[in-house]
C-alpha atoms as a PDB file:
ATOM      1  CA  UNK A   1       2.477  19.235  -4.014  1.00  0.00           C
ATOM      2  CA  UNK A   2      -0.888  18.700  -4.570  1.00  0.00           C
ATOM      3  CA  UNK A   3      -3.608  17.041  -2.871  1.00  0.00           C
ATOM      4  CA  UNK A   4      -3.450  13.829  -4.765  1.00  0.00           C
ATOM      5  CA  UNK A   5      -0.021  13.184  -4.117  1.00  0.00           C
ATOM      6  CA  UNK A   6      -0.066  13.544   0.085  1.00  0.00           C
ATOM      7  CA  UNK A   7      -3.346  11.189  -0.096  1.00  0.00           C
ATOM      8  CA  UNK A   8      -1.115   8.708  -2.538  1.00  0.00           C
ATOM      9  CA  UNK A   9       2.005   8.895  -0.006  1.00  0.00           C
ATOM     10  CA  UNK A  10      -0.879   8.492   2.879  1.00  0.00           C
ATOM     11  CA  UNK A  11      -2.351   5.266   1.451  1.00  0.00           C
ATOM     12  CA  UNK A  12       0.906   4.077   0.719  1.00  0.00           C
ATOM     13  CA  UNK A  13       2.571   4.609   4.119  1.00  0.00           C
ATOM     14  CA  UNK A  14      -0.599   3.116   6.220  1.00  0.00           C
ATOM     15  CA  UNK A  15      -0.044  -0.083   3.428  1.00  0.00           C
ATOM     16  CA  UNK A  16       3.327  -0.281   4.088  1.00  0.00           C
ATOM     17  CA  UNK A  17       2.881  -0.291   8.077  1.00  0.00           C
ATOM     18  CA  UNK A  18      -0.221  -2.780   7.777  1.00  0.00           C
ATOM     19  CA  UNK A  19       2.349  -5.104   5.755  1.00  0.00           C
ATOM     20  CA  UNK A  20       5.468  -4.650   8.136  1.00  0.00           C
ATOM     21  CA  UNK A  21       2.935  -5.042  11.569  1.00  0.00           C
ATOM     22  CA  UNK A  22       1.289  -8.421   8.939  1.00  0.00           C
ATOM     23  CA  UNK A  23       4.580 -10.063   8.850  1.00  0.00           C
ATOM     24  CA  UNK A  24       6.425  -8.896  12.558  1.00  0.00           C
ATOM     25  CA  UNK A  25       3.000 -10.739  14.303  1.00  0.00           C
ATOM     26  CA  UNK A  26       3.188 -13.825  10.759  1.00  0.00           C
ATOM     27  CA  UNK A  27       7.030 -14.158  12.540  1.00  0.00           C
ATOM     28  CA  UNK A  28       6.044 -14.366  16.307  1.00  0.00           C
ATOM     29  CA  UNK A  29       3.373 -16.382  15.757  1.00  0.00           C
ATOM     30  CA  UNK A  30       5.735 -18.752  13.848  1.00  0.00           C
ATOM     31  CA  UNK A  31       8.505 -18.292  16.389  1.00  0.00           C
ATOM     32  CA  UNK A  32       6.061 -19.353  18.755  1.00  0.00           C
ATOM     33  CA  UNK A  33       5.271 -22.840  17.311  1.00  0.00           C
ATOM     34  CA  UNK A  34       2.939 -21.622  15.023  1.00  0.00           C
ATOM     35  CA  UNK A  35       0.082 -20.743  17.528  1.00  0.00           C
ATOM     36  CA  UNK A  36      -2.992 -19.447  15.318  1.00  0.00           C
ATOM     37  CA  UNK A  37      -3.574 -16.526  17.127  1.00  0.00           C
ATOM     38  CA  UNK A  38      -0.809 -14.459  15.875  1.00  0.00           C
ATOM     39  CA  UNK A  39      -0.037 -16.419  12.581  1.00  0.00           C
ATOM     40  CA  UNK A  40      -3.755 -15.379  11.768  1.00  0.00           C
ATOM     41  CA  UNK A  41      -3.343 -11.791  12.212  1.00  0.00           C
ATOM     42  CA  UNK A  42      -0.278 -11.594  10.687  1.00  0.00           C
ATOM     43  CA  UNK A  43      -1.854 -13.093   7.608  1.00  0.00           C
ATOM     44  CA  UNK A  44      -4.639 -11.060   7.825  1.00  0.00           C
ATOM     45  CA  UNK A  45      -2.912  -7.561   7.956  1.00  0.00           C
ATOM     46  CA  UNK A  46      -0.413  -8.825   5.403  1.00  0.00           C
ATOM     47  CA  UNK A  47      -3.879  -9.538   2.939  1.00  0.00           C
ATOM     48  CA  UNK A  48      -5.234  -6.217   4.168  1.00  0.00           C
ATOM     49  CA  UNK A  49      -1.854  -4.184   3.560  1.00  0.00           C
ATOM     50  CA  UNK A  50      -1.544  -5.473   0.315  1.00  0.00           C
ATOM     51  CA  UNK A  51      -5.405  -5.580  -0.860  1.00  0.00           C
ATOM     52  CA  UNK A  52      -5.392  -1.744   0.302  1.00  0.00           C
ATOM     53  CA  UNK A  53      -1.774  -0.889  -1.959  1.00  0.00           C
ATOM     54  CA  UNK A  54      -3.625  -2.451  -5.007  1.00  0.00           C
ATOM     55  CA  UNK A  55      -7.153  -0.074  -4.532  1.00  0.00           C
ATOM     56  CA  UNK A  56      -5.512   2.721  -2.804  1.00  0.00           C
ATOM     57  CA  UNK A  57      -2.277   3.541  -5.073  1.00  0.00           C
ATOM     58  CA  UNK A  58      -3.432   4.190  -8.554  1.00  0.00           C
ATOM     59  CA  UNK A  59      -3.523   6.549 -11.107  1.00  0.00           C
ATOM     60  CA  UNK A  60      -6.488   9.528 -11.101  1.00  0.00           C
ATOM     61  CA  UNK A  61      -6.645   9.268 -14.643  1.00  0.00           C
ATOM     62  CA  UNK A  62      -5.939   5.757 -16.160  1.00  0.00           C
ATOM     63  CA  UNK A  63      -6.942   4.123 -12.388  1.00  0.00           C
ATOM     64  CA  UNK A  64      -3.543   1.501 -13.163  1.00  0.00           C
ATOM     65  CA  UNK A  65      -1.304   0.659 -10.043  1.00  0.00           C
ATOM     66  CA  UNK A  66       1.286   2.810  -9.608  1.00  0.00           C
ATOM     67  CA  UNK A  67       3.345   0.382  -7.264  1.00  0.00           C
ATOM     68  CA  UNK A  68       4.307   1.650  -3.805  1.00  0.00           C
ATOM     69  CA  UNK A  69       8.364   3.354  -5.304  1.00  0.00           C
ATOM     70  CA  UNK A  70       5.505   5.824  -6.586  1.00  0.00           C
ATOM     71  CA  UNK A  71       5.653   8.851  -4.302  1.00  0.00           C
ATOM     72  CA  UNK A  72       8.133  10.400  -5.992  1.00  0.00           C
ATOM     73  CA  UNK A  73       6.785   9.873  -9.327  1.00  0.00           C
ATOM     74  CA  UNK A  74       5.755  13.161 -10.932  1.00  0.00           C
ATOM     75  CA  UNK A  75       4.455  11.179 -14.864  1.00  0.00           C
ATOM     76  CA  UNK A  76       1.860   8.139 -14.523  1.00  0.00           C
ATOM     77  CA  UNK A  77       3.981   5.057 -16.004  1.00  0.00           C
ATOM     78  CA  UNK A  78       1.283   3.913 -17.400  1.00  0.00           C
ATOM     79  CA  UNK A  79      -1.115   6.917 -19.489  1.00  0.00           C
ATOM     80  CA  UNK A  80       1.705   9.888 -18.578  1.00  0.00           C
ATOM     81  CA  UNK A  81      -0.189  11.819 -17.239  1.00  0.00           C
ATOM     82  CA  UNK A  82       1.054  14.463 -14.397  1.00  0.00           C
ATOM     83  CA  UNK A  83       0.382  12.622 -10.931  1.00  0.00           C
ATOM     84  CA  UNK A  84       1.082  16.567  -9.399  1.00  0.00           C
ATOM     85  CA  UNK A  85      -3.036  17.933 -10.826  1.00  0.00           C
ATOM     86  CA  UNK A  86      -6.067  16.028  -8.706  1.00  0.00           C
ATOM     87  CA  UNK A  87      -8.432  14.266 -11.417  1.00  0.00           C
ATOM     88  CA  UNK A  88     -11.875  16.170 -11.551  1.00  0.00           C
END
């Protein structure tokens, strides 16, 4: 597996963990009657996870967003370039 694929997988996991942590904090904040600290922290983590996925999970050739389900993809659905090869 090429280095670019590992990096893409790592960013997918980090973004997913941030989204999950944000959702849990947001849910906990809403259960506490809308307390601002966990609710605000949850919203920030949700936004950070989404922004991270949009910025880091991209095709190394055409730079278009691949999506978080792109771990098993071998080719970019937009330009058709092989994703196992690092762009230099």
